[in-house]
Protein backbone atom coordinates (compact mmCIF):
# COMPACT_ATOMS: atom_id res chain seq x y z
CA MET A 1 26.68 0.24 5.74
CA PHE A 2 27.10 -1.07 9.27
CA GLN A 3 26.32 -4.77 9.67
CA PRO A 4 26.19 -5.93 13.31
CA ASP A 5 27.83 -9.24 14.05
CA PRO A 6 24.88 -11.47 15.05
CA GLU A 7 26.86 -12.96 17.94
CA THR A 8 27.52 -9.62 19.41
CA ALA A 9 24.54 -7.44 18.36
CA LEU A 10 22.95 -5.13 20.72
CA PRO A 11 19.60 -6.21 22.18
CA THR A 12 16.42 -5.03 20.38
CA MET A 13 13.76 -2.86 21.95
CA TYR A 14 11.81 -6.14 22.68
CA ASP A 15 14.61 -7.53 24.79
CA LEU A 16 15.11 -4.27 27.05
CA PRO A 17 12.49 -3.45 29.86
CA SER A 18 10.82 -0.08 29.84
CA ASP A 19 11.23 2.44 32.53
CA ASP A 20 7.53 2.20 32.88
CA PRO A 21 6.61 -1.56 32.73
CA ASN A 22 2.79 -0.75 32.25
CA ALA A 23 3.55 1.31 29.19
CA PRO A 24 3.12 -0.19 25.67
CA GLY A 25 6.03 -0.79 23.53
CA LEU A 26 6.91 1.85 21.06
CA PRO A 27 6.71 0.96 17.46
CA ASP A 28 10.09 -0.18 15.61
CA GLU A 29 10.85 1.41 12.30
CA PHE A 30 9.05 -1.41 10.29
CA HIS A 31 6.00 -0.77 12.32
CA SER A 32 6.03 2.82 11.04
CA LEU A 33 7.08 2.32 7.45
CA GLN A 34 4.69 -0.44 6.82
CA PRO A 35 1.54 1.25 7.51
CA TRP A 36 2.74 4.20 5.35
CA LEU A 37 3.17 1.77 2.58
CA LEU A 38 -0.30 0.44 2.96
CA GLN A 39 -1.70 3.92 3.13
CA ASP A 40 0.25 5.22 0.08
CA THR A 41 -1.12 2.51 -2.11
CA PHE A 42 -4.66 2.00 -0.87
CA TYR A 43 -6.90 3.41 -3.61
CA PRO A 44 -10.07 1.49 -4.09
CA PRO A 45 -11.31 2.48 -7.63
CA HIS A 46 -14.71 3.16 -6.64
CA HIS A 47 -14.07 5.10 -3.40
CA SER A 48 -12.57 8.67 -3.22
CA ARG A 49 -10.20 9.49 -0.52
CA GLU A 50 -12.68 11.91 1.04
CA GLU A 51 -14.92 8.91 1.99
CA ILE A 52 -12.19 6.68 3.46
CA PHE A 53 -10.72 7.07 6.80
CA ILE A 54 -7.25 5.41 7.24
CA ALA A 55 -5.24 5.22 10.51
CA SER A 56 -2.25 3.36 12.13
CA ASN A 57 -1.55 3.15 15.84
CA LEU A 58 -4.62 5.26 16.60
CA ASN A 59 -6.82 4.63 19.70
CA LEU A 60 -10.11 2.66 18.57
CA TYR A 61 -12.63 2.82 21.30
CA TYR A 62 -15.28 0.02 20.80
CA ASP A 63 -17.32 -0.35 23.99
CA GLN A 64 -19.59 2.48 25.10
CA SER A 65 -20.07 0.76 28.52
CA HIS A 66 -16.30 0.72 28.92
CA GLN A 67 -15.12 3.97 27.49
CA PHE A 68 -11.49 3.53 28.56
CA TRP A 69 -11.09 0.29 26.78
CA TYR A 70 -9.48 0.66 23.27
CA LYS A 71 -7.25 -0.98 20.79
CA LYS A 72 -4.45 0.24 18.54
CA PRO A 73 -4.50 -1.41 15.22
CA ASP A 74 -1.34 -1.26 13.38
CA TRP A 75 -3.38 -0.15 10.43
CA PHE A 76 -6.98 -0.09 9.54
CA ALA A 77 -9.33 1.39 6.89
CA VAL A 78 -12.94 2.70 7.22
CA LEU A 79 -15.03 2.81 4.02
CA ASN A 80 -18.07 5.08 3.41
CA THR A 81 -17.31 7.67 6.07
CA THR A 82 -15.47 10.89 6.00
CA ARG A 83 -11.64 11.36 5.96
CA MET A 84 -11.84 13.94 8.54
CA TYR A 85 -14.52 14.99 11.25
CA ARG A 86 -17.61 16.75 9.60
CA ASP A 87 -16.30 19.99 11.12
CA GLY A 88 -13.07 19.55 9.18
CA ASN A 89 -10.80 18.71 12.23
CA LEU A 90 -8.40 15.70 12.26
CA ARG A 91 -9.35 12.72 14.35
CA PHE A 92 -7.59 12.18 17.54
CA SER A 93 -9.08 8.73 17.96
CA TYR A 94 -11.87 6.61 16.48
CA VAL A 95 -15.00 6.12 18.70
CA ILE A 96 -17.07 3.53 17.30
CA TRP A 97 -20.25 4.54 18.99
CA GLN A 98 -19.84 8.08 17.59
CA GLU A 99 -18.69 6.96 14.12
CA LYS A 100 -21.15 4.13 13.77
CA VAL A 101 -19.01 2.65 11.08
CA SER A 102 -16.60 -0.20 11.72
CA PRO A 103 -13.30 -0.75 9.85
CA PHE A 104 -13.66 -2.71 6.78
CA ILE A 105 -10.05 -4.10 7.20
CA ALA A 106 -7.37 -4.29 9.90
CA VAL A 107 -3.79 -5.24 9.61
CA GLU A 108 -1.60 -6.22 12.60
CA LEU A 109 2.25 -6.59 12.24
CA LEU A 110 3.31 -9.26 14.70
CA SER A 111 6.25 -8.54 16.90
CA PRO A 112 7.64 -10.82 19.75
CA GLY A 113 5.15 -10.94 22.41
CA THR A 114 2.19 -9.89 20.54
CA GLU A 115 1.01 -13.10 18.93
CA ASP A 116 -1.46 -14.07 21.67
CA GLU A 117 -2.98 -10.72 21.59
CA ASP A 118 -3.25 -10.46 17.68
CA LEU A 119 -4.26 -14.03 17.12
CA GLY A 120 -6.44 -14.69 20.13
CA THR A 121 -4.53 -17.76 21.29
CA LYS A 122 -4.61 -17.07 24.88
CA LEU A 123 -7.79 -16.79 26.96
CA ARG A 124 -8.28 -13.61 28.96
CA HIS A 125 -9.45 -13.42 32.66
CA ALA A 126 -13.02 -12.36 33.32
CA GLN A 127 -11.98 -8.86 34.57
CA GLU A 128 -9.79 -8.22 31.46
CA PRO A 129 -10.80 -6.33 28.40
CA PRO A 130 -11.04 -8.73 25.31
CA ARG A 131 -8.31 -9.10 23.14
CA LYS A 132 -7.81 -7.73 19.76
CA TRP A 133 -8.91 -10.95 18.07
CA GLU A 134 -12.23 -10.86 20.00
CA VAL A 135 -12.72 -7.16 19.36
CA TYR A 136 -12.14 -7.34 15.64
CA GLU A 137 -14.08 -10.55 15.22
CA ARG A 138 -17.13 -10.34 17.60
CA ILE A 139 -17.55 -6.69 18.71
CA LEU A 140 -16.49 -4.62 15.59
CA GLN A 141 -16.94 -7.69 13.11
CA ILE A 142 -14.30 -6.35 10.90
CA PRO A 143 -14.79 -8.16 7.55
CA TYR A 144 -11.11 -8.81 6.77
CA TYR A 145 -8.22 -9.16 9.15
CA ALA A 146 -4.57 -9.49 7.87
CA VAL A 147 -1.55 -10.57 9.92
CA PHE A 148 1.96 -10.16 8.76
CA ASP A 149 4.71 -11.66 10.74
CA ARG A 150 8.19 -10.04 9.90
CA TYR A 151 9.69 -12.30 12.31
CA ASN A 152 8.48 -15.61 10.99
CA ASN A 153 9.74 -15.37 7.36
CA TYR A 154 7.27 -12.56 6.61
CA LYS A 155 4.37 -14.94 6.88
CA PHE A 156 1.16 -13.44 5.58
CA GLN A 157 -2.18 -14.54 6.78
CA MET A 158 -5.65 -13.23 5.97
CA PHE A 159 -8.88 -14.04 7.87
CA GLU A 160 -12.40 -13.46 6.50
CA LEU A 161 -15.40 -13.11 8.74
CA LYS A 162 -18.07 -15.67 7.89
CA ASN A 163 -20.91 -16.24 10.12
CA GLY A 164 -19.66 -14.16 12.80
CA ARG A 165 -16.19 -16.03 13.02
CA TYR A 166 -12.85 -15.49 11.47
CA ILE A 167 -11.86 -18.22 8.87
CA GLU A 168 -8.25 -18.14 7.56
CA VAL A 169 -8.47 -18.27 3.80
CA ARG A 170 -6.16 -19.75 1.36
CA ILE A 171 -3.55 -17.41 0.04
CA SER A 172 -2.17 -18.06 -3.46
CA ASP A 173 1.43 -16.67 -4.42
CA ASP A 174 1.03 -14.49 -1.25
CA ARG A 175 -1.82 -12.41 -2.60
CA PHE A 176 -5.34 -12.25 -1.59
CA TRP A 177 -8.08 -10.67 -3.67
CA ILE A 178 -10.85 -8.53 -2.00
CA PRO A 179 -13.79 -8.39 -4.45
CA GLU A 180 -15.65 -5.73 -2.48
CA ILE A 181 -13.15 -3.06 -2.98
CA GLU A 182 -11.64 -4.43 -6.14
CA LEU A 183 -8.22 -4.44 -4.62
CA GLY A 184 -5.90 -7.14 -3.63
CA LEU A 185 -3.31 -7.38 -0.69
CA GLY A 186 -0.04 -9.20 -1.24
CA VAL A 187 3.55 -9.53 -0.20
CA TRP A 188 5.80 -7.29 -2.60
CA ARG A 189 9.60 -7.41 -2.31
CA GLY A 190 11.27 -3.96 -2.92
CA SER A 191 12.85 -1.04 -1.32
CA TYR A 192 10.72 1.52 0.55
CA HIS A 193 12.05 4.86 1.89
CA ARG A 194 15.56 3.86 0.94
CA THR A 195 15.68 0.70 2.75
CA THR A 196 17.40 -2.51 1.32
CA GLU A 197 15.05 -4.75 -0.56
CA GLN A 198 12.63 -6.78 1.70
CA PRO A 199 9.19 -8.10 1.73
CA TRP A 200 6.22 -5.67 2.50
CA LEU A 201 2.53 -5.71 2.27
CA ARG A 202 1.25 -3.62 -0.62
CA TRP A 203 -2.03 -3.29 -2.60
CA TYR A 204 -2.43 -4.31 -6.30
CA ASP A 205 -4.99 -3.64 -8.77
CA VAL A 206 -7.35 -6.15 -10.94
CA ASN A 207 -4.56 -6.72 -13.35
CA GLY A 208 -2.21 -7.79 -10.69
CA ASN A 209 -0.21 -4.61 -10.76
CA TRP A 210 1.11 -3.06 -7.75
CA LEU A 211 -0.44 0.23 -6.89
CA LEU A 212 2.04 3.09 -7.51
CA LEU A 213 3.56 5.27 -4.84
CA ALA A 214 3.56 9.05 -5.59
CA GLU A 215 7.16 9.06 -6.41
CA GLU A 216 6.88 5.92 -8.73
CA LEU A 217 3.96 7.57 -10.46
CA GLN A 218 5.95 10.71 -10.94
CA LYS A 219 8.81 8.65 -12.28
CA GLN A 220 6.51 6.87 -14.67
CA ARG A 221 5.04 10.24 -15.90
CA ALA A 222 8.77 11.58 -16.38
CA ASP A 223 9.71 8.29 -18.35
CA PHE A 224 6.59 8.74 -20.45
CA ALA A 225 7.29 12.37 -21.15
CA ARG A 226 10.80 11.43 -22.26
CA GLN A 227 9.45 8.62 -24.45
CA GLN A 228 7.03 10.95 -26.08
CA LYS A 229 9.77 13.66 -26.61
CA GLU A 230 12.00 10.78 -28.19
CA LEU A 231 9.02 9.70 -30.40
CA GLU A 232 8.60 13.26 -31.45
CA ARG A 233 12.27 13.50 -32.38
CA GLN A 234 12.09 10.17 -34.33
CA GLN A 235 9.14 11.55 -36.11
CA ALA A 236 10.99 14.82 -36.98
CA ASP A 237 13.90 12.85 -38.16
CA PHE A 238 11.71 10.63 -40.25
CA GLU A 239 9.93 13.70 -41.90
CA LYS A 240 13.31 15.32 -42.58
CA GLN A 241 14.54 12.18 -44.31
CA GLN A 242 11.39 11.92 -46.33
CA ALA A 243 11.95 15.45 -47.41
CA ASP A 244 15.46 14.94 -48.33
CA PHE A 245 14.66 11.80 -50.11
CA ALA A 246 11.84 13.68 -52.17
CA ARG A 247 14.39 16.45 -53.00
CA GLN A 248 16.98 14.17 -54.12
CA GLN A 249 14.49 12.32 -56.28
CA LYS A 250 13.49 15.50 -57.87
CA GLU A 251 17.10 16.67 -58.37
CA ARG A 252 17.83 13.38 -60.23
CA LEU A 253 14.68 13.58 -62.39
CA ILE A 254 15.64 17.22 -63.45
CA ALA A 255 19.15 15.99 -64.29
CA GLN A 256 17.85 13.19 -66.54
CA LEU A 257 15.48 15.36 -68.30
CA ARG A 258 18.19 18.14 -68.92
CA ALA A 259 20.53 15.13 -70.19
CA LEU A 260 17.86 14.42 -72.85
CA GLY A 261 17.62 18.09 -73.91
CA ILE A 262 14.41 18.69 -72.12
CA GLU A 263 14.24 21.67 -69.98
CA PRO A 264 11.81 20.90 -66.97
CA ASN A 265 9.14 23.16 -65.93
CA LEU A 266 9.95 23.85 -62.37
CA ILE A 267 6.74 25.98 -61.75
């Protein structure tokens, strides 16, 4: 596998200017894979997938009086809604004054230059739209807001809405439990979509087990089927050994009786 020399490595997309300076930056590969992993493992035990809407990098319109203002969360989930529009069509956006249900959780993946927007550390001018932090905290009042910084040693931060303000909560072992959905969000180290092992955000269950991906579940089922087949083979071998032992015992008894001049009744 090609490994670039750090001293001569090519610049990243964050170093190169766009031909349209006003266009938002396109997501890098991590910004594509990480939301998929979150979606693939988000299974609240008391919610069916049909009453959950999950999206990433989708326009979220939040102010009916400013209908062209929107944010694009890297990943968010809405509970107690419909997976698709009620007419069966997929959403092209999420319009809060039509949906009337705010996201339950939003996740932002920090990248160079987005910290101020995602963490609300820079004041905006009066004529500018509110930043993501303000939209999530004060307008949408999203109960949980997670931030994952791949460029800062994969730092994981979780903020919980309390009394209308986000409070950073203490995270133990890079894991945070969310009681309302009986799921936890934590940092898992592994390979996803044939990548090398690295940290990712992933959901886990009440027993602390990572929620399985479809291919992991399929492998688990295949392993279980192989184990069942092996147990059946062992059971068959045991029964055969028992039958052989009983036959040998019977043959020895017959031989002993005949040695004593007794012809056994074999009926």
